[in-house]
Amino acid sequence: MTKLAVRACKIAEELSKLYPAPECALTHDSPFQLAVATILSAQCTDERVNMVTPVLFKKYPTPEKIAHSTQESLEEIIKSTGFFRNKAKNILGFAHAIVNEHGGVVPQELAALVKLPGIGRKTANVVLGTAFGIASGVVVDTHVTRLANRMGLTESDDAVKIERELMHLLPQDQWINFSHALIWHGRRVCNARKPNCAECTLAKLCLKVGV
C-alpha cells in the first residue's frame, strides 16, 4: 500500500468516526425518485432540489406518472433548479426508458443505468450506492472534488479521473460512505469560502490546512 493510500484510509477512518452513518442529502422514497433528484442536483444545491421534489413527486410519484406527463409541466415545477429544459427532457426520457425498457423498475447494474437518458456515472453511483448498497464507484461532486484536492488525494479537477484515483486508494467497502461523509464534511466544516481548519479533526491529515 502506498503512503498516499495509507493516508487516504486514515482520512476515511476519521470521517467514519465523525459521520458513522452518512446519508444522501437528497430526499426520496424510491430509487427512481433518487435518480430524478440527482438529475436535478446538477449545477444546483441539494437544498433547492429538496424544495422542488416534494411538489414534483406529489404530482408524479412514479416512473409511469412522469412518463405520461409533458415537458412543459415538468419544466414549470423544476424551473428554479436551473437548466430546467434540459433536465425536464432528461427526466422525461429517463422515465420512458424505465417504463418501456425495464418494466418500471430501476436496474441495479452500472452498465444498464448509464445507458439511460440523463444518467451519467455520478448519478448511477448515487443510485446504486444509496438505494441498493452497491459500491459501483465513488460519487464525485463539487464537495468531493474540492476536499480531495485540499487533502492532497488528487491534483485533478476531472470527476472521472478523481473517481478512478479514489477507487485505487480506498477499499471498495468504503466507497459509498466515504463520498457521503466527505460531502457532509464539506458542508459542515471544510466549506468553500471559509474552511474551519482550527476545529477540523482531519487537519493533521490535510495538506492545505489554513490555505
Protein backbone atom coordinates (compact mmCIF):
# COMPACT_ATOMS: atom_id res chain seq x y z
CA MET A 1 0.00 0.00 0.00
CA THR A 2 1.41 3.40 -0.97
CA LYS A 3 1.84 6.24 1.52
CA LEU A 4 -0.99 8.09 -0.19
CA ALA A 5 -3.29 5.08 0.14
CA VAL A 6 -2.42 4.78 3.84
CA ARG A 7 -3.28 8.45 4.38
CA ALA A 8 -6.48 8.09 2.37
CA CYS A 9 -7.55 5.17 4.56
CA LYS A 10 -6.77 7.20 7.69
CA ILE A 11 -8.91 10.04 6.35
CA ALA A 12 -11.72 7.57 5.64
CA GLU A 13 -11.38 6.20 9.19
CA GLU A 14 -11.60 9.68 10.73
CA LEU A 15 -14.60 10.52 8.56
CA SER A 16 -16.35 7.34 9.68
CA LYS A 17 -15.95 8.47 13.29
CA LEU A 18 -17.38 11.91 12.51
CA TYR A 19 -20.18 10.59 10.31
CA PRO A 20 -20.82 6.95 11.28
CA ALA A 21 -23.99 6.64 9.21
CA PRO A 22 -23.84 9.31 6.50
CA GLU A 23 -26.90 9.52 4.31
CA CYS A 24 -27.56 11.03 0.93
CA ALA A 25 -28.82 14.59 1.38
CA LEU A 26 -31.41 14.25 -1.39
CA THR A 27 -34.84 13.32 -0.05
CA HIS A 28 -36.53 10.45 -1.88
CA ASP A 29 -38.85 7.48 -1.37
CA SER A 30 -37.63 5.18 -4.13
CA PRO A 31 -34.62 4.51 -6.37
CA PHE A 32 -36.47 6.22 -9.22
CA GLN A 33 -37.09 9.36 -7.16
CA LEU A 34 -33.43 9.37 -6.08
CA ALA A 35 -32.30 9.23 -9.70
CA VAL A 36 -34.61 12.11 -10.64
CA ALA A 37 -33.42 14.17 -7.65
CA THR A 38 -29.81 13.53 -8.64
CA ILE A 39 -30.51 14.67 -12.21
CA LEU A 40 -31.97 17.86 -10.74
CA SER A 41 -28.93 18.40 -8.50
CA ALA A 42 -26.62 19.18 -11.42
CA GLN A 43 -25.43 22.78 -11.04
CA CYS A 44 -27.91 23.17 -8.17
CA THR A 45 -27.79 22.85 -4.39
CA ASP A 46 -29.34 19.85 -2.66
CA GLU A 47 -31.35 22.27 -0.55
CA ARG A 48 -33.01 23.73 -3.63
CA VAL A 49 -33.66 20.27 -5.06
CA ASN A 50 -35.28 19.21 -1.79
CA MET A 51 -37.63 22.19 -2.06
CA VAL A 52 -38.70 21.20 -5.56
CA THR A 53 -39.00 17.40 -5.37
CA PRO A 54 -41.89 17.26 -2.85
CA VAL A 55 -44.03 19.16 -5.35
CA LEU A 56 -42.77 17.09 -8.28
CA PHE A 57 -43.24 13.71 -6.60
CA LYS A 58 -46.62 14.58 -5.14
CA LYS A 59 -47.88 15.14 -8.68
CA TYR A 60 -45.73 12.48 -10.36
CA PRO A 61 -44.64 9.87 -7.75
CA THR A 62 -43.74 7.03 -10.16
CA PRO A 63 -41.97 6.48 -13.49
CA GLU A 64 -45.35 5.80 -15.10
CA LYS A 65 -46.77 9.12 -13.89
CA ILE A 66 -43.81 11.11 -15.17
CA ALA A 67 -43.80 9.19 -18.47
CA HIS A 68 -47.38 10.35 -19.02
CA SER A 69 -46.58 13.97 -18.14
CA THR A 70 -45.37 16.64 -20.54
CA GLN A 71 -42.12 18.52 -20.96
CA GLU A 72 -43.89 21.78 -20.15
CA SER A 73 -45.46 20.53 -16.92
CA LEU A 74 -42.10 19.26 -15.66
CA GLU A 75 -40.35 22.49 -16.62
CA GLU A 76 -42.83 24.55 -14.63
CA ILE A 77 -42.18 22.56 -11.46
CA ILE A 78 -38.37 22.28 -11.69
CA LYS A 79 -37.65 25.73 -13.16
CA SER A 80 -35.85 27.03 -10.05
CA THR A 81 -33.19 24.28 -10.24
CA GLY A 82 -31.63 25.82 -13.36
CA PHE A 83 -31.07 24.29 -16.80
CA PHE A 84 -34.68 23.19 -16.41
CA ARG A 85 -35.42 22.49 -20.07
CA ASN A 86 -32.59 20.01 -20.43
CA LYS A 87 -33.34 18.49 -17.01
CA ALA A 88 -37.02 18.08 -17.88
CA LYS A 89 -36.05 16.41 -21.17
CA ASN A 90 -33.71 14.03 -19.36
CA ILE A 91 -36.23 13.19 -16.63
CA LEU A 92 -38.94 12.52 -19.18
CA GLY A 93 -36.60 10.36 -21.27
CA PHE A 94 -35.41 8.52 -18.18
CA ALA A 95 -38.98 7.77 -17.09
CA HIS A 96 -39.94 6.49 -20.55
CA ALA A 97 -36.87 4.23 -20.62
CA ILE A 98 -37.57 2.83 -17.16
CA VAL A 99 -41.18 2.07 -18.08
CA ASN A 100 -40.62 0.77 -21.61
CA GLU A 101 -37.28 -1.00 -21.23
CA HIS A 102 -37.17 -2.05 -17.57
CA GLY A 103 -40.76 -2.66 -16.59
CA GLY A 104 -40.91 0.38 -14.33
CA VAL A 105 -38.01 -0.85 -12.19
CA VAL A 106 -34.65 0.95 -11.88
CA PRO A 107 -31.89 -1.51 -12.90
CA GLN A 108 -29.20 -2.41 -10.40
CA GLU A 109 -26.32 -2.60 -12.88
CA LEU A 110 -23.99 0.29 -13.69
CA ALA A 111 -23.78 -0.60 -17.39
CA ALA A 112 -27.57 -0.57 -17.71
CA LEU A 113 -28.02 2.67 -15.79
CA VAL A 114 -25.52 4.77 -17.72
CA LYS A 115 -27.31 3.91 -20.97
CA LEU A 116 -30.44 5.70 -19.75
CA PRO A 117 -31.21 9.36 -20.61
CA GLY A 118 -29.79 11.82 -18.08
CA ILE A 119 -27.86 9.15 -16.17
CA GLY A 120 -24.11 9.62 -16.06
CA ARG A 121 -21.68 7.71 -13.93
CA LYS A 122 -22.11 10.01 -10.93
CA THR A 123 -25.89 9.61 -10.88
CA ALA A 124 -25.57 5.86 -11.38
CA ASN A 125 -23.14 5.62 -8.46
CA VAL A 126 -25.51 7.62 -6.25
CA VAL A 127 -28.46 5.38 -7.08
CA LEU A 128 -26.57 2.10 -6.76
CA GLY A 129 -24.81 3.08 -3.54
CA THR A 130 -27.67 4.82 -1.74
CA ALA A 131 -30.68 2.85 -2.96
CA PHE A 132 -29.16 -0.60 -3.32
CA GLY A 133 -25.97 -0.58 -1.23
CA ILE A 134 -23.91 -1.49 -4.31
CA ALA A 135 -20.42 0.04 -4.34
CA SER A 136 -20.04 0.64 -8.06
CA GLY A 137 -17.69 3.60 -7.61
CA VAL A 138 -17.05 6.78 -5.64
CA VAL A 139 -19.53 9.63 -6.07
CA VAL A 140 -17.57 12.73 -7.08
CA ASP A 141 -19.45 16.02 -6.78
CA THR A 142 -18.14 19.55 -6.19
CA HIS A 143 -17.59 18.89 -2.46
CA VAL A 144 -15.65 15.67 -3.08
CA THR A 145 -13.61 17.35 -5.81
CA ARG A 146 -12.72 20.28 -3.57
CA LEU A 147 -11.91 18.27 -0.43
CA ALA A 148 -9.99 15.54 -2.25
CA ASN A 149 -7.78 18.27 -3.71
CA ARG A 150 -7.38 20.12 -0.41
CA MET A 151 -6.42 16.89 1.35
CA GLY A 152 -3.92 16.01 -1.36
CA LEU A 153 -5.67 12.86 -2.52
CA THR A 154 -5.71 14.14 -6.10
CA GLU A 155 -4.46 17.04 -8.17
CA SER A 156 -7.18 16.74 -10.76
CA ASP A 157 -10.42 18.65 -11.28
CA ASP A 158 -11.81 15.98 -13.62
CA ALA A 159 -14.52 13.94 -11.87
CA VAL A 160 -13.82 10.74 -13.81
CA LYS A 161 -10.10 10.87 -13.03
CA ILE A 162 -10.72 11.73 -9.36
CA GLU A 163 -13.11 8.81 -9.02
CA ARG A 164 -10.58 6.44 -10.57
CA GLU A 165 -7.85 7.66 -8.22
CA LEU A 166 -10.03 7.38 -5.10
CA MET A 167 -11.14 3.88 -6.10
CA HIS A 168 -7.48 2.85 -6.22
CA LEU A 169 -6.74 4.44 -2.85
CA LEU A 170 -9.66 3.07 -0.84
CA PRO A 171 -11.08 -0.41 -0.24
CA GLN A 172 -14.33 -0.98 -2.13
CA ASP A 173 -16.35 -1.40 1.06
CA GLN A 174 -15.55 2.23 1.94
CA TRP A 175 -16.51 3.83 -1.38
CA ILE A 176 -20.15 4.58 -0.56
CA ASN A 177 -19.74 6.03 2.93
CA PHE A 178 -16.53 7.87 2.07
CA SER A 179 -18.19 10.08 -0.53
CA HIS A 180 -21.27 10.73 1.63
CA ALA A 181 -19.10 11.60 4.64
CA LEU A 182 -16.80 13.83 2.60
CA ILE A 183 -19.83 15.71 1.25
CA TRP A 184 -21.18 16.26 4.77
CA HIS A 185 -17.73 17.39 5.96
CA GLY A 186 -17.55 19.84 3.07
CA ARG A 187 -20.86 21.35 4.14
CA ARG A 188 -20.29 21.44 7.89
CA VAL A 189 -16.57 22.08 8.35
CA CYS A 190 -14.47 22.40 5.20
CA ASN A 191 -16.71 24.77 3.30
CA ALA A 192 -15.52 26.51 0.16
CA ARG A 193 -15.49 30.10 1.38
CA LYS A 194 -14.00 29.66 4.84
CA PRO A 195 -12.82 26.18 5.85
CA ASN A 196 -12.82 25.77 9.64
CA CYS A 197 -9.36 24.22 9.88
CA ALA A 198 -8.99 25.13 13.57
CA GLU A 199 -11.79 22.77 14.56
CA CYS A 200 -11.26 20.11 11.89
CA THR A 201 -10.21 16.72 13.26
CA LEU A 202 -8.81 15.89 9.82
CA ALA A 203 -6.37 18.81 9.90
CA LYS A 204 -3.45 16.57 10.81
CA LEU A 205 -4.05 14.57 7.63
CA CYS A 206 -4.72 17.55 5.35
CA LEU A 207 -2.05 19.09 3.11
CA LYS A 208 -3.63 22.55 2.87
CA VAL A 209 -4.53 23.49 6.44
CA GLY A 210 -5.25 27.20 6.62
CA VAL A 211 -4.88 27.67 2.87
